[in-house]
């Protein structure tokens, strides 16, 4: 169903996204087995998507809601190797609430870098489009200015590396992140790390995590 949604140009519904995450963790043995099986795709899902494309969005919502409600809530594994990171999900409080009902979280990381630093990095970014290699004139410059190190071809800027566009994105990100962080702060799960570069952030992040989880 998720694949059908993407192919149809739709966003994957939040409940289904949660179930995909839960299904992956169950496959790896990182959450206890549920009393009902998990399916990432099925004939029923394909049928439901076909119905939605003919105009019945409610049937898809009902199908997803039914799929997203396990008979027994997931329990965290006690296996110390059962660690995972969710990057980019949840993005909203609604998604977080659905995730809370399925998969218990024990840490939420908030990495804070000043907007001015982010915009400076973006404005200094160069790419070699054919290979995907990325350079930055401030901290990772090409050996020959404006040229790819491997091929010698001209470097370009990404079309969406427009500062006004990024200011709008960062503003929207801040607006949506604020209530999400408050949701997790009420659960005492948020760990905030501040820094201007990965050289500052990474050691601080490791240090905080070790202090929290070291035996």
N, C-alpha and C. Protein backbone atom coordinates (compact mmCIF):
# COMPACT_ATOMS: atom_id res chain seq x y z
N UNK A 1 0.83 -1.20 0.00
CA UNK A 1 0.00 0.00 0.00
C UNK A 1 0.86 1.25 0.00
N UNK A 2 1.96 1.24 0.76
CA UNK A 2 2.86 2.40 0.77
C UNK A 2 3.42 2.66 -0.61
N UNK A 3 3.82 1.59 -1.31
CA UNK A 3 4.37 1.73 -2.65
C UNK A 3 3.31 2.29 -3.60
N UNK A 4 2.08 1.80 -3.46
CA UNK A 4 1.00 2.28 -4.31
C UNK A 4 0.73 3.76 -4.07
N UNK A 5 0.82 4.18 -2.80
CA UNK A 5 0.60 5.60 -2.48
C UNK A 5 1.66 6.47 -3.12
N UNK A 6 2.91 6.04 -3.03
CA UNK A 6 4.01 6.82 -3.61
C UNK A 6 3.86 6.89 -5.13
N UNK A 7 3.54 5.76 -5.75
CA UNK A 7 3.39 5.73 -7.21
C UNK A 7 2.23 6.61 -7.67
N UNK A 8 1.22 6.76 -6.80
CA UNK A 8 0.07 7.59 -7.14
C UNK A 8 0.30 9.06 -6.80
N UNK A 9 1.50 9.37 -6.29
CA UNK A 9 1.82 10.75 -5.95
C UNK A 9 1.24 11.18 -4.63
N UNK A 10 0.89 10.22 -3.77
CA UNK A 10 0.33 10.52 -2.46
C UNK A 10 1.40 10.42 -1.37
N UNK A 11 1.14 11.08 -0.25
CA UNK A 11 1.96 10.85 0.93
C UNK A 11 1.51 9.55 1.59
N UNK A 12 2.46 8.79 2.13
CA UNK A 12 2.11 7.58 2.86
C UNK A 12 1.39 8.00 4.14
N UNK A 13 0.18 7.47 4.40
CA UNK A 13 -0.58 7.87 5.59
C UNK A 13 0.22 7.62 6.87
N UNK A 14 0.06 8.52 7.85
CA UNK A 14 0.82 8.40 9.09
C UNK A 14 0.66 7.05 9.78
N UNK A 15 -0.57 6.53 9.94
CA UNK A 15 -0.70 5.24 10.62
C UNK A 15 0.05 4.12 9.90
N UNK A 16 0.03 4.15 8.57
CA UNK A 16 0.74 3.12 7.83
C UNK A 16 2.24 3.27 7.98
N UNK A 17 2.72 4.52 8.03
CA UNK A 17 4.15 4.74 8.24
C UNK A 17 4.58 4.16 9.59
N UNK A 18 3.77 4.36 10.62
CA UNK A 18 4.07 3.80 11.94
C UNK A 18 4.12 2.28 11.87
N UNK A 19 3.17 1.69 11.14
CA UNK A 19 3.14 0.24 11.06
C UNK A 19 4.33 -0.31 10.26
N UNK A 20 4.78 0.43 9.24
CA UNK A 20 5.97 0.00 8.50
C UNK A 20 7.19 -0.01 9.42
N UNK A 21 7.30 1.03 10.25
CA UNK A 21 8.42 1.09 11.20
C UNK A 21 8.32 -0.07 12.17
N UNK A 22 7.14 -0.30 12.72
CA UNK A 22 6.94 -1.37 13.68
C UNK A 22 7.21 -2.73 13.05
N UNK A 23 6.78 -2.89 11.79
CA UNK A 23 7.01 -4.16 11.10
C UNK A 23 8.49 -4.44 10.92
N UNK A 24 9.26 -3.40 10.57
CA UNK A 24 10.71 -3.57 10.40
C UNK A 24 11.36 -3.96 11.73
N UNK A 25 10.96 -3.29 12.82
CA UNK A 25 11.54 -3.60 14.12
C UNK A 25 11.16 -5.00 14.57
N UNK A 26 9.94 -5.42 14.28
CA UNK A 26 9.51 -6.78 14.64
C UNK A 26 10.32 -7.81 13.86
N UNK A 27 10.53 -7.52 12.56
CA UNK A 27 11.31 -8.45 11.72
C UNK A 27 12.71 -8.65 12.30
N UNK A 28 13.29 -7.58 12.85
CA UNK A 28 14.62 -7.66 13.43
C UNK A 28 14.61 -8.22 14.86
N UNK A 29 13.42 -8.49 15.38
CA UNK A 29 13.32 -9.03 16.74
C UNK A 29 13.52 -7.99 17.81
N UNK A 30 13.28 -6.72 17.47
CA UNK A 30 13.53 -5.64 18.42
C UNK A 30 12.29 -5.22 19.20
N UNK A 31 11.14 -5.74 18.83
CA UNK A 31 9.94 -5.55 19.64
C UNK A 31 9.28 -6.90 19.78
N UNK A 32 8.50 -7.07 20.84
CA UNK A 32 7.84 -8.34 21.08
C UNK A 32 6.83 -8.62 19.97
N UNK A 33 6.58 -9.90 19.72
CA UNK A 33 5.62 -10.27 18.68
C UNK A 33 4.23 -9.80 19.04
N UNK A 34 3.47 -9.43 18.02
CA UNK A 34 2.10 -9.01 18.20
C UNK A 34 1.18 -10.20 17.95
N UNK A 35 -0.07 -10.08 18.40
CA UNK A 35 -1.01 -11.17 18.21
C UNK A 35 -1.57 -11.20 16.81
N UNK A 36 -1.33 -10.14 16.01
CA UNK A 36 -1.76 -10.15 14.62
C UNK A 36 -0.54 -9.95 13.73
N UNK A 37 -0.53 -10.56 12.56
CA UNK A 37 0.63 -10.43 11.68
C UNK A 37 0.71 -9.04 11.06
N UNK A 38 1.93 -8.66 10.64
CA UNK A 38 2.16 -7.39 9.96
C UNK A 38 2.42 -7.66 8.49
N UNK A 39 1.77 -6.91 7.63
CA UNK A 39 1.99 -7.06 6.20
C UNK A 39 2.37 -5.70 5.62
N UNK A 40 3.49 -5.67 4.91
CA UNK A 40 3.89 -4.43 4.25
C UNK A 40 3.12 -4.23 2.95
N UNK A 41 2.59 -5.29 2.38
CA UNK A 41 1.72 -5.18 1.21
C UNK A 41 0.81 -6.39 1.20
N UNK A 42 -0.35 -6.25 0.61
CA UNK A 42 -1.29 -7.35 0.54
C UNK A 42 -2.31 -7.07 -0.53
N UNK A 43 -3.06 -8.08 -0.92
CA UNK A 43 -4.11 -7.88 -1.92
C UNK A 43 -5.14 -6.89 -1.40
N UNK A 44 -5.45 -7.00 -0.10
CA UNK A 44 -6.41 -6.08 0.49
C UNK A 44 -5.94 -4.65 0.41
N UNK A 45 -4.65 -4.43 0.64
CA UNK A 45 -4.10 -3.08 0.58
C UNK A 45 -4.20 -2.54 -0.83
N UNK A 46 -3.86 -3.38 -1.81
CA UNK A 46 -3.91 -2.93 -3.20
C UNK A 46 -5.34 -2.60 -3.59
N UNK A 47 -6.29 -3.42 -3.11
CA UNK A 47 -7.69 -3.17 -3.41
C UNK A 47 -8.15 -1.86 -2.79
N UNK A 48 -7.73 -1.63 -1.56
CA UNK A 48 -8.12 -0.40 -0.88
C UNK A 48 -7.59 0.81 -1.61
N UNK A 49 -6.33 0.73 -2.10
CA UNK A 49 -5.77 1.86 -2.82
C UNK A 49 -6.52 2.07 -4.13
N UNK A 50 -6.92 1.00 -4.80
CA UNK A 50 -7.67 1.14 -6.04
C UNK A 50 -8.99 1.83 -5.77
N UNK A 51 -9.64 1.49 -4.65
CA UNK A 51 -10.88 2.14 -4.30
C UNK A 51 -10.68 3.62 -4.07
N UNK A 52 -9.56 3.97 -3.42
CA UNK A 52 -9.32 5.37 -3.10
C UNK A 52 -9.09 6.17 -4.37
N UNK A 53 -8.43 5.56 -5.35
CA UNK A 53 -8.15 6.27 -6.58
C UNK A 53 -9.42 6.53 -7.37
N UNK A 54 -10.50 5.75 -7.07
CA UNK A 54 -11.76 5.99 -7.75
C UNK A 54 -12.61 7.01 -6.99
N UNK A 55 -12.04 7.54 -5.88
CA UNK A 55 -12.72 8.62 -5.20
C UNK A 55 -13.10 8.34 -3.77
N UNK A 56 -12.85 7.13 -3.25
CA UNK A 56 -13.27 6.78 -1.89
C UNK A 56 -12.08 6.80 -0.97
N UNK A 57 -11.66 8.00 -0.52
CA UNK A 57 -10.53 8.12 0.39
C UNK A 57 -10.85 7.53 1.75
N UNK A 58 -12.13 7.53 2.12
CA UNK A 58 -12.53 7.05 3.44
C UNK A 58 -12.19 5.58 3.60
N UNK A 59 -12.31 4.78 2.54
CA UNK A 59 -12.03 3.36 2.64
C UNK A 59 -10.56 3.13 2.95
N UNK A 60 -9.67 3.94 2.34
CA UNK A 60 -8.25 3.81 2.64
C UNK A 60 -7.99 4.18 4.09
N UNK A 61 -8.58 5.27 4.57
CA UNK A 61 -8.39 5.69 5.95
C UNK A 61 -8.86 4.62 6.91
N UNK A 62 -10.02 4.02 6.62
CA UNK A 62 -10.53 2.96 7.49
C UNK A 62 -9.61 1.75 7.48
N UNK A 63 -9.11 1.40 6.30
CA UNK A 63 -8.20 0.25 6.19
C UNK A 63 -6.94 0.48 6.98
N UNK A 64 -6.36 1.71 6.82
CA UNK A 64 -5.12 2.03 7.52
C UNK A 64 -5.33 2.06 9.02
N UNK A 65 -6.46 2.64 9.46
CA UNK A 65 -6.73 2.73 10.89
C UNK A 65 -6.83 1.33 11.50
N UNK A 66 -7.48 0.43 10.76
CA UNK A 66 -7.59 -0.94 11.25
C UNK A 66 -6.23 -1.61 11.32
N UNK A 67 -5.39 -1.38 10.29
CA UNK A 67 -4.06 -1.96 10.25
C UNK A 67 -3.18 -1.42 11.36
N UNK A 68 -3.43 -0.15 11.76
CA UNK A 68 -2.54 0.52 12.68
C UNK A 68 -2.84 0.23 14.13
N UNK A 69 -3.86 -0.58 14.43
CA UNK A 69 -4.25 -0.82 15.81
C UNK A 69 -3.94 -2.25 16.19
N UNK A 70 -2.82 -2.51 16.86
CA UNK A 70 -2.48 -3.87 17.24
C UNK A 70 -3.33 -4.35 18.40
N UNK A 71 -3.58 -5.65 18.47
CA UNK A 71 -4.36 -6.18 19.58
C UNK A 71 -3.58 -6.06 20.89
N UNK A 72 -2.26 -6.14 20.81
CA UNK A 72 -1.41 -6.03 21.99
C UNK A 72 -0.36 -4.96 21.73
N UNK A 73 -0.22 -3.93 22.60
CA UNK A 73 0.78 -2.88 22.37
C UNK A 73 2.18 -3.46 22.30
N UNK A 74 3.01 -2.88 21.46
CA UNK A 74 4.39 -3.34 21.33
C UNK A 74 5.15 -3.06 22.62
N UNK A 75 6.05 -3.97 22.96
CA UNK A 75 6.89 -3.80 24.14
C UNK A 75 8.34 -3.70 23.71
N UNK A 76 9.10 -2.84 24.37
CA UNK A 76 10.51 -2.67 24.03
C UNK A 76 11.30 -3.93 24.34
N UNK A 77 12.22 -4.27 23.50
CA UNK A 77 13.11 -5.40 23.75
C UNK A 77 14.14 -5.01 24.79
N UNK A 78 14.51 -5.96 25.61
CA UNK A 78 15.56 -5.73 26.61
C UNK A 78 16.95 -6.01 26.04
N UNK A 79 17.01 -6.49 24.80
CA UNK A 79 18.29 -6.80 24.16
C UNK A 79 19.05 -5.50 23.94
N UNK A 80 20.29 -5.40 24.49
CA UNK A 80 21.05 -4.15 24.33
C UNK A 80 21.39 -3.82 22.88
N UNK A 81 21.32 -4.81 21.98
CA UNK A 81 21.62 -4.53 20.57
C UNK A 81 20.40 -3.97 19.83
N UNK A 82 19.27 -3.94 20.50
CA UNK A 82 18.04 -3.49 19.85
C UNK A 82 17.94 -1.97 19.89
N UNK A 83 18.86 -1.32 19.20
CA UNK A 83 18.89 0.14 19.14
C UNK A 83 18.59 0.60 17.72
N UNK A 84 17.85 1.68 17.59
CA UNK A 84 17.53 2.21 16.28
C UNK A 84 17.34 3.72 16.38
N UNK A 85 17.46 4.38 15.24
CA UNK A 85 17.27 5.83 15.16
C UNK A 85 16.21 6.12 14.11
N UNK A 86 15.24 6.94 14.45
CA UNK A 86 14.27 7.44 13.49
C UNK A 86 14.68 8.86 13.11
N UNK A 87 14.98 9.06 11.85
CA UNK A 87 15.44 10.36 11.37
C UNK A 87 14.40 10.95 10.43
N UNK A 88 13.75 12.04 10.84
CA UNK A 88 12.74 12.67 10.00
C UNK A 88 11.33 12.22 10.28
N UNK A 89 11.15 11.33 11.21
CA UNK A 89 9.81 10.88 11.62
C UNK A 89 9.87 10.53 13.10
N UNK A 90 8.92 11.02 13.89
CA UNK A 90 7.75 11.82 13.51
C UNK A 90 8.10 13.28 13.26
N UNK A 91 7.23 13.95 12.50
CA UNK A 91 7.42 15.38 12.21
C UNK A 91 6.39 16.25 12.91
N UNK A 92 5.30 15.63 13.37
CA UNK A 92 4.22 16.37 14.02
C UNK A 92 3.82 15.68 15.31
N UNK A 93 3.07 16.40 16.15
CA UNK A 93 2.59 15.82 17.41
C UNK A 93 1.65 14.65 17.12
N UNK A 94 0.81 14.79 16.10
CA UNK A 94 -0.11 13.71 15.75
C UNK A 94 0.65 12.43 15.42
N UNK A 95 1.71 12.55 14.64
CA UNK A 95 2.53 11.38 14.32
C UNK A 95 3.19 10.82 15.58
N UNK A 96 3.66 11.71 16.45
CA UNK A 96 4.33 11.27 17.68
C UNK A 96 3.38 10.49 18.58
N UNK A 97 2.14 10.95 18.68
CA UNK A 97 1.15 10.26 19.52
C UNK A 97 0.90 8.86 18.98
N UNK A 98 0.76 8.73 17.65
CA UNK A 98 0.56 7.41 17.07
C UNK A 98 1.78 6.52 17.30
N UNK A 99 2.96 7.11 17.23
CA UNK A 99 4.18 6.33 17.45
C UNK A 99 4.27 5.89 18.92
N UNK A 100 3.87 6.78 19.83
CA UNK A 100 3.90 6.45 21.27
C UNK A 100 3.05 5.22 21.57
N UNK A 101 1.94 5.09 20.86
CA UNK A 101 1.03 3.97 21.11
C UNK A 101 1.59 2.64 20.62
N UNK A 102 2.60 2.71 19.74
CA UNK A 102 3.11 1.48 19.12
C UNK A 102 4.52 1.12 19.57
N UNK A 103 5.39 2.12 19.64
CA UNK A 103 6.81 1.87 19.89
C UNK A 103 7.31 2.82 20.98
N UNK A 104 7.70 2.31 22.14
CA UNK A 104 8.18 3.18 23.21
C UNK A 104 9.55 3.78 22.88
N UNK A 105 9.64 5.11 22.95
CA UNK A 105 10.90 5.81 22.73
C UNK A 105 11.59 6.06 24.08
N UNK A 106 12.92 6.10 24.07
CA UNK A 106 13.63 6.42 25.32
C UNK A 106 14.54 7.64 25.20
N UNK A 107 14.63 8.24 24.01
CA UNK A 107 15.48 9.42 23.85
C UNK A 107 15.08 10.16 22.57
N UNK A 108 15.01 11.48 22.68
CA UNK A 108 14.76 12.35 21.53
C UNK A 108 15.88 13.37 21.46
N UNK A 109 16.57 13.42 20.35
CA UNK A 109 17.71 14.32 20.19
C UNK A 109 17.29 15.61 19.49
N UNK A 110 17.65 16.73 20.10
CA UNK A 110 17.45 18.03 19.48
C UNK A 110 18.84 18.63 19.23
N UNK A 111 19.19 18.77 17.96
CA UNK A 111 20.48 19.34 17.59
C UNK A 111 20.25 20.77 17.12
N UNK A 112 20.89 21.71 17.81
CA UNK A 112 20.65 23.13 17.56
C UNK A 112 21.88 23.78 16.96
N UNK A 113 21.72 24.33 15.76
CA UNK A 113 22.76 25.09 15.08
C UNK A 113 22.15 26.43 14.65
N UNK A 114 22.82 27.55 14.88
CA UNK A 114 22.26 28.85 14.51
C UNK A 114 21.87 28.91 13.04
N UNK A 115 20.75 29.56 12.76
CA UNK A 115 20.27 29.69 11.39
C UNK A 115 21.32 30.34 10.49
N UNK A 116 22.05 31.31 11.02
CA UNK A 116 23.07 31.99 10.21
C UNK A 116 24.15 31.02 9.73
N UNK A 117 24.51 30.06 10.58
CA UNK A 117 25.51 29.07 10.19
C UNK A 117 24.95 28.15 9.11
N UNK A 118 23.71 27.71 9.27
CA UNK A 118 23.10 26.84 8.27
C UNK A 118 23.03 27.53 6.91
N UNK A 119 22.61 28.78 6.91
CA UNK A 119 22.49 29.51 5.65
C UNK A 119 23.86 29.75 5.01
N UNK A 120 24.87 29.97 5.84
CA UNK A 120 26.22 30.14 5.31
C UNK A 120 26.70 28.87 4.62
N UNK A 121 26.43 27.70 5.25
CA UNK A 121 26.82 26.43 4.65
C UNK A 121 26.12 26.20 3.31
N UNK A 122 24.83 26.54 3.28
CA UNK A 122 24.06 26.34 2.05
C UNK A 122 24.57 27.23 0.94
N UNK A 123 24.86 28.49 1.27
CA UNK A 123 25.32 29.43 0.24
C UNK A 123 26.70 29.06 -0.27
N UNK A 124 27.45 28.25 0.47
CA UNK A 124 28.81 27.86 0.08
C UNK A 124 28.87 26.47 -0.54
N UNK A 125 27.72 25.84 -0.75
CA UNK A 125 27.69 24.46 -1.22
C UNK A 125 27.79 24.39 -2.75
N UNK A 126 28.63 23.47 -3.22
CA UNK A 126 28.78 23.17 -4.64
C UNK A 126 28.62 21.67 -4.85
N UNK A 127 28.08 21.28 -5.99
CA UNK A 127 27.86 19.85 -6.24
C UNK A 127 28.37 19.47 -7.62
N UNK A 128 28.78 18.21 -7.72
CA UNK A 128 29.06 17.61 -9.02
C UNK A 128 27.86 16.73 -9.32
N UNK A 129 26.94 17.25 -10.12
CA UNK A 129 25.65 16.60 -10.32
C UNK A 129 25.73 15.15 -10.81
N UNK A 130 26.59 14.81 -11.77
CA UNK A 130 26.61 13.43 -12.27
C UNK A 130 26.95 12.39 -11.19
N UNK A 131 27.84 12.74 -10.26
CA UNK A 131 28.27 11.77 -9.25
C UNK A 131 27.60 11.98 -7.90
N UNK A 132 27.08 13.19 -7.65
CA UNK A 132 26.51 13.50 -6.35
C UNK A 132 27.51 13.98 -5.33
N UNK A 133 28.79 14.15 -5.74
CA UNK A 133 29.79 14.64 -4.79
C UNK A 133 29.47 16.08 -4.38
N UNK A 134 29.66 16.34 -3.08
CA UNK A 134 29.31 17.66 -2.54
C UNK A 134 30.56 18.32 -1.96
N UNK A 135 30.72 19.59 -2.24
CA UNK A 135 31.83 20.38 -1.73
C UNK A 135 31.27 21.59 -0.99
N UNK A 136 32.11 22.20 -0.18
CA UNK A 136 31.74 23.45 0.48
C UNK A 136 32.96 24.35 0.50
N UNK A 137 32.80 25.56 0.01
CA UNK A 137 33.96 26.43 -0.12
C UNK A 137 34.53 26.88 1.21
N UNK A 138 33.80 26.69 2.30
CA UNK A 138 34.30 27.13 3.61
C UNK A 138 35.06 26.05 4.36
N UNK A 139 34.66 24.77 4.21
CA UNK A 139 35.34 23.73 5.00
C UNK A 139 35.68 22.47 4.21
N UNK A 140 35.18 22.33 2.99
CA UNK A 140 35.52 21.17 2.16
C UNK A 140 35.62 21.60 0.70
N UNK A 141 36.56 22.51 0.41
CA UNK A 141 36.63 23.07 -0.94
C UNK A 141 37.25 22.08 -1.93
N UNK A 142 36.90 22.19 -3.22
CA UNK A 142 37.57 21.37 -4.24
C UNK A 142 39.02 21.81 -4.37
N UNK A 143 39.88 20.89 -4.83
CA UNK A 143 41.30 21.23 -4.97
C UNK A 143 41.51 22.37 -5.97
N UNK A 144 40.73 22.33 -7.05
CA UNK A 144 40.75 23.41 -8.04
C UNK A 144 39.42 24.14 -7.91
N UNK A 145 39.42 25.42 -7.60
CA UNK A 145 38.16 26.13 -7.41
C UNK A 145 37.18 25.93 -8.56
N UNK A 146 35.95 25.51 -8.19
CA UNK A 146 34.90 25.35 -9.19
C UNK A 146 34.95 24.08 -10.00
N UNK A 147 35.93 23.18 -9.69
CA UNK A 147 36.08 21.95 -10.48
C UNK A 147 36.01 20.71 -9.58
N UNK A 148 35.39 19.65 -10.11
CA UNK A 148 35.31 18.39 -9.38
C UNK A 148 36.69 17.77 -9.24
N UNK A 149 37.03 17.26 -8.07
CA UNK A 149 38.35 16.68 -7.81
C UNK A 149 38.64 15.47 -8.69
N UNK A 150 37.61 14.68 -9.02
CA UNK A 150 37.83 13.43 -9.74
C UNK A 150 37.83 13.63 -11.26
N UNK A 151 36.84 14.33 -11.76
CA UNK A 151 36.68 14.45 -13.22
C UNK A 151 37.19 15.77 -13.78
N UNK A 152 37.34 16.76 -12.93
CA UNK A 152 37.72 18.09 -13.40
C UNK A 152 36.58 18.87 -14.02
N UNK A 153 35.38 18.29 -13.98
CA UNK A 153 34.22 18.97 -14.57
C UNK A 153 33.76 20.11 -13.68
N UNK A 154 33.02 21.03 -14.28
CA UNK A 154 32.53 22.19 -13.54
C UNK A 154 31.54 21.78 -12.45
N UNK A 155 31.65 22.44 -11.31
CA UNK A 155 30.70 22.24 -10.22
C UNK A 155 29.57 23.25 -10.37
N UNK A 156 28.42 22.89 -9.82
CA UNK A 156 27.25 23.76 -9.90
C UNK A 156 26.61 23.89 -8.52
N UNK A 157 25.63 24.77 -8.43
CA UNK A 157 24.84 24.90 -7.22
C UNK A 157 23.49 24.23 -7.45
N UNK A 158 22.98 23.61 -6.40
CA UNK A 158 21.67 22.98 -6.49
C UNK A 158 20.60 24.03 -6.73
N UNK A 159 19.60 23.66 -7.53
CA UNK A 159 18.57 24.62 -7.86
C UNK A 159 17.78 25.12 -6.67
N UNK A 160 17.68 24.28 -5.62
CA UNK A 160 16.89 24.68 -4.45
C UNK A 160 17.75 25.30 -3.35
N UNK A 161 19.03 25.55 -3.63
CA UNK A 161 19.89 26.20 -2.64
C UNK A 161 19.74 27.72 -2.72
N UNK A 162 18.51 28.16 -2.65
CA UNK A 162 18.19 29.58 -2.64
C UNK A 162 17.96 30.01 -1.20
N UNK A 163 18.63 31.07 -0.76
CA UNK A 163 18.58 31.44 0.66
C UNK A 163 17.18 31.83 1.11
N UNK A 164 16.43 32.52 0.28
CA UNK A 164 15.06 32.87 0.67
C UNK A 164 14.20 31.63 0.83
N UNK A 165 14.40 30.66 -0.06
CA UNK A 165 13.66 29.39 0.06
C UNK A 165 14.01 28.69 1.35
N UNK A 166 15.30 28.66 1.67
CA UNK A 166 15.74 27.98 2.89
C UNK A 166 15.31 28.72 4.14
N UNK A 167 15.26 30.02 4.11
CA UNK A 167 14.74 30.76 5.27
C UNK A 167 13.29 30.35 5.56
N UNK A 168 12.51 30.22 4.49
CA UNK A 168 11.13 29.78 4.66
C UNK A 168 11.04 28.37 5.20
N UNK A 169 11.90 27.48 4.69
CA UNK A 169 11.91 26.09 5.17
C UNK A 169 12.28 26.01 6.64
N UNK A 170 13.31 26.76 7.03
CA UNK A 170 13.76 26.73 8.42
C UNK A 170 12.71 27.31 9.35
N UNK A 171 12.02 28.34 8.89
CA UNK A 171 10.94 28.93 9.70
C UNK A 171 9.81 27.91 9.89
N UNK A 172 9.44 27.23 8.82
CA UNK A 172 8.39 26.21 8.92
C UNK A 172 8.84 25.06 9.81
N UNK A 173 10.10 24.66 9.69
CA UNK A 173 10.63 23.58 10.52
C UNK A 173 10.56 23.96 12.00
N UNK A 174 10.91 25.20 12.31
CA UNK A 174 10.86 25.66 13.70
C UNK A 174 9.43 25.64 14.22
N UNK A 175 8.49 26.07 13.38
CA UNK A 175 7.09 26.13 13.81
C UNK A 175 6.52 24.74 14.09
N UNK A 176 6.89 23.76 13.28
CA UNK A 176 6.36 22.41 13.48
C UNK A 176 7.14 21.64 14.55
N UNK A 177 8.41 21.99 14.73
CA UNK A 177 9.23 21.27 15.71
C UNK A 177 8.91 21.68 17.14
N UNK A 178 8.53 22.93 17.33
CA UNK A 178 8.32 23.44 18.68
C UNK A 178 7.28 22.62 19.46
N UNK A 179 6.06 22.41 18.92
CA UNK A 179 5.10 21.59 19.66
C UNK A 179 5.52 20.12 19.78
N UNK A 180 6.25 19.62 18.78
CA UNK A 180 6.73 18.24 18.84
C UNK A 180 7.71 18.06 19.98
N UNK A 181 8.64 19.01 20.12
CA UNK A 181 9.61 18.95 21.22
C UNK A 181 8.92 19.09 22.56
N UNK A 182 7.89 19.93 22.65
CA UNK A 182 7.15 20.08 23.90
C UNK A 182 6.47 18.77 24.29
N UNK A 183 5.97 18.07 23.29
CA UNK A 183 5.35 16.77 23.55
C UNK A 183 6.34 15.82 24.22
N UNK A 184 7.56 15.78 23.69
CA UNK A 184 8.56 14.86 24.25
C UNK A 184 9.20 15.41 25.53
N UNK A 185 9.23 16.73 25.68
CA UNK A 185 9.76 17.29 26.93
C UNK A 185 8.85 16.91 28.11
N UNK A 186 7.56 16.86 27.86
CA UNK A 186 6.64 16.45 28.93
C UNK A 186 6.91 15.02 29.36
N UNK A 187 7.52 14.24 28.48
CA UNK A 187 7.90 12.87 28.81
C UNK A 187 9.34 12.78 29.32
N UNK A 188 10.01 13.93 29.40
CA UNK A 188 11.40 14.00 29.88
C UNK A 188 12.34 13.17 29.00
N UNK A 189 12.16 13.29 27.68
CA UNK A 189 12.96 12.49 26.75
C UNK A 189 13.93 13.31 25.91
N UNK A 190 13.84 14.64 25.96
CA UNK A 190 14.61 15.48 25.04
C UNK A 190 16.02 15.75 25.55
N UNK A 191 16.99 15.48 24.70
CA UNK A 191 18.39 15.82 24.96
C UNK A 191 18.81 16.83 23.91
N UNK A 192 19.23 18.02 24.34
CA UNK A 192 19.59 19.09 23.42
C UNK A 192 21.10 19.24 23.35
N UNK A 193 21.62 19.24 22.13
CA UNK A 193 23.05 19.43 21.89
C UNK A 193 23.20 20.61 20.94
N UNK A 194 24.07 21.55 21.29
CA UNK A 194 24.26 22.75 20.48
C UNK A 194 25.67 22.77 19.90
N UNK A 195 25.80 23.32 18.70
CA UNK A 195 27.12 23.45 18.08
C UNK A 195 27.01 24.03 16.69
N UNK A 196 28.15 24.50 16.18
CA UNK A 196 28.19 25.11 14.86
C UNK A 196 28.67 24.15 13.77
N UNK A 197 29.22 23.01 14.17
CA UNK A 197 29.75 22.06 13.19
C UNK A 197 29.69 20.66 13.77
N UNK A 198 29.87 19.66 12.90
CA UNK A 198 29.87 18.27 13.36
C UNK A 198 31.04 18.01 14.30
N UNK A 199 32.14 18.73 14.13
CA UNK A 199 33.29 18.55 15.02
C UNK A 199 32.94 18.93 16.46
N UNK A 200 32.01 19.86 16.63
CA UNK A 200 31.56 20.24 17.97
C UNK A 200 30.41 19.35 18.43
N UNK A 201 29.48 19.08 17.53
CA UNK A 201 28.25 18.39 17.91
C UNK A 201 28.49 16.92 18.21
N UNK A 202 29.26 16.23 17.36
CA UNK A 202 29.42 14.78 17.51
C UNK A 202 30.03 14.38 18.85
N UNK A 203 31.16 14.97 19.29
CA UNK A 203 31.70 14.58 20.60
C UNK A 203 30.73 14.88 21.74
N UNK A 204 30.05 16.02 21.67
CA UNK A 204 29.10 16.36 22.72
C UNK A 204 27.94 15.37 22.75
N UNK A 205 27.50 14.97 21.56
CA UNK A 205 26.41 14.01 21.46
C UNK A 205 26.79 12.67 22.05
N UNK A 206 27.96 12.16 21.68
CA UNK A 206 28.43 10.88 22.22
C UNK A 206 28.58 10.96 23.74
N UNK A 207 29.12 12.07 24.21
CA UNK A 207 29.34 12.23 25.65
C UNK A 207 28.01 12.19 26.42
N UNK A 208 27.00 12.89 25.90
CA UNK A 208 25.70 12.92 26.57
C UNK A 208 25.03 11.55 26.55
N UNK A 209 25.12 10.85 25.42
CA UNK A 209 24.50 9.54 25.31
C UNK A 209 25.19 8.53 26.23
N UNK A 210 26.51 8.59 26.31
CA UNK A 210 27.24 7.69 27.19
C UNK A 210 26.85 7.93 28.65
N UNK A 211 26.70 9.20 29.02
CA UNK A 211 26.32 9.51 30.39
C UNK A 211 24.91 9.00 30.71
N UNK A 212 24.04 9.03 29.71
CA UNK A 212 22.66 8.61 29.93
C UNK A 212 22.51 7.09 29.99
N UNK A 213 23.27 6.37 29.13
CA UNK A 213 23.04 4.94 29.00
C UNK A 213 24.17 4.07 29.52
N UNK A 214 25.32 4.65 29.88
CA UNK A 214 26.43 3.82 30.37
C UNK A 214 26.03 3.13 31.66
N UNK A 215 26.43 1.87 31.74
CA UNK A 215 26.10 1.09 32.95
C UNK A 215 27.03 1.47 34.08
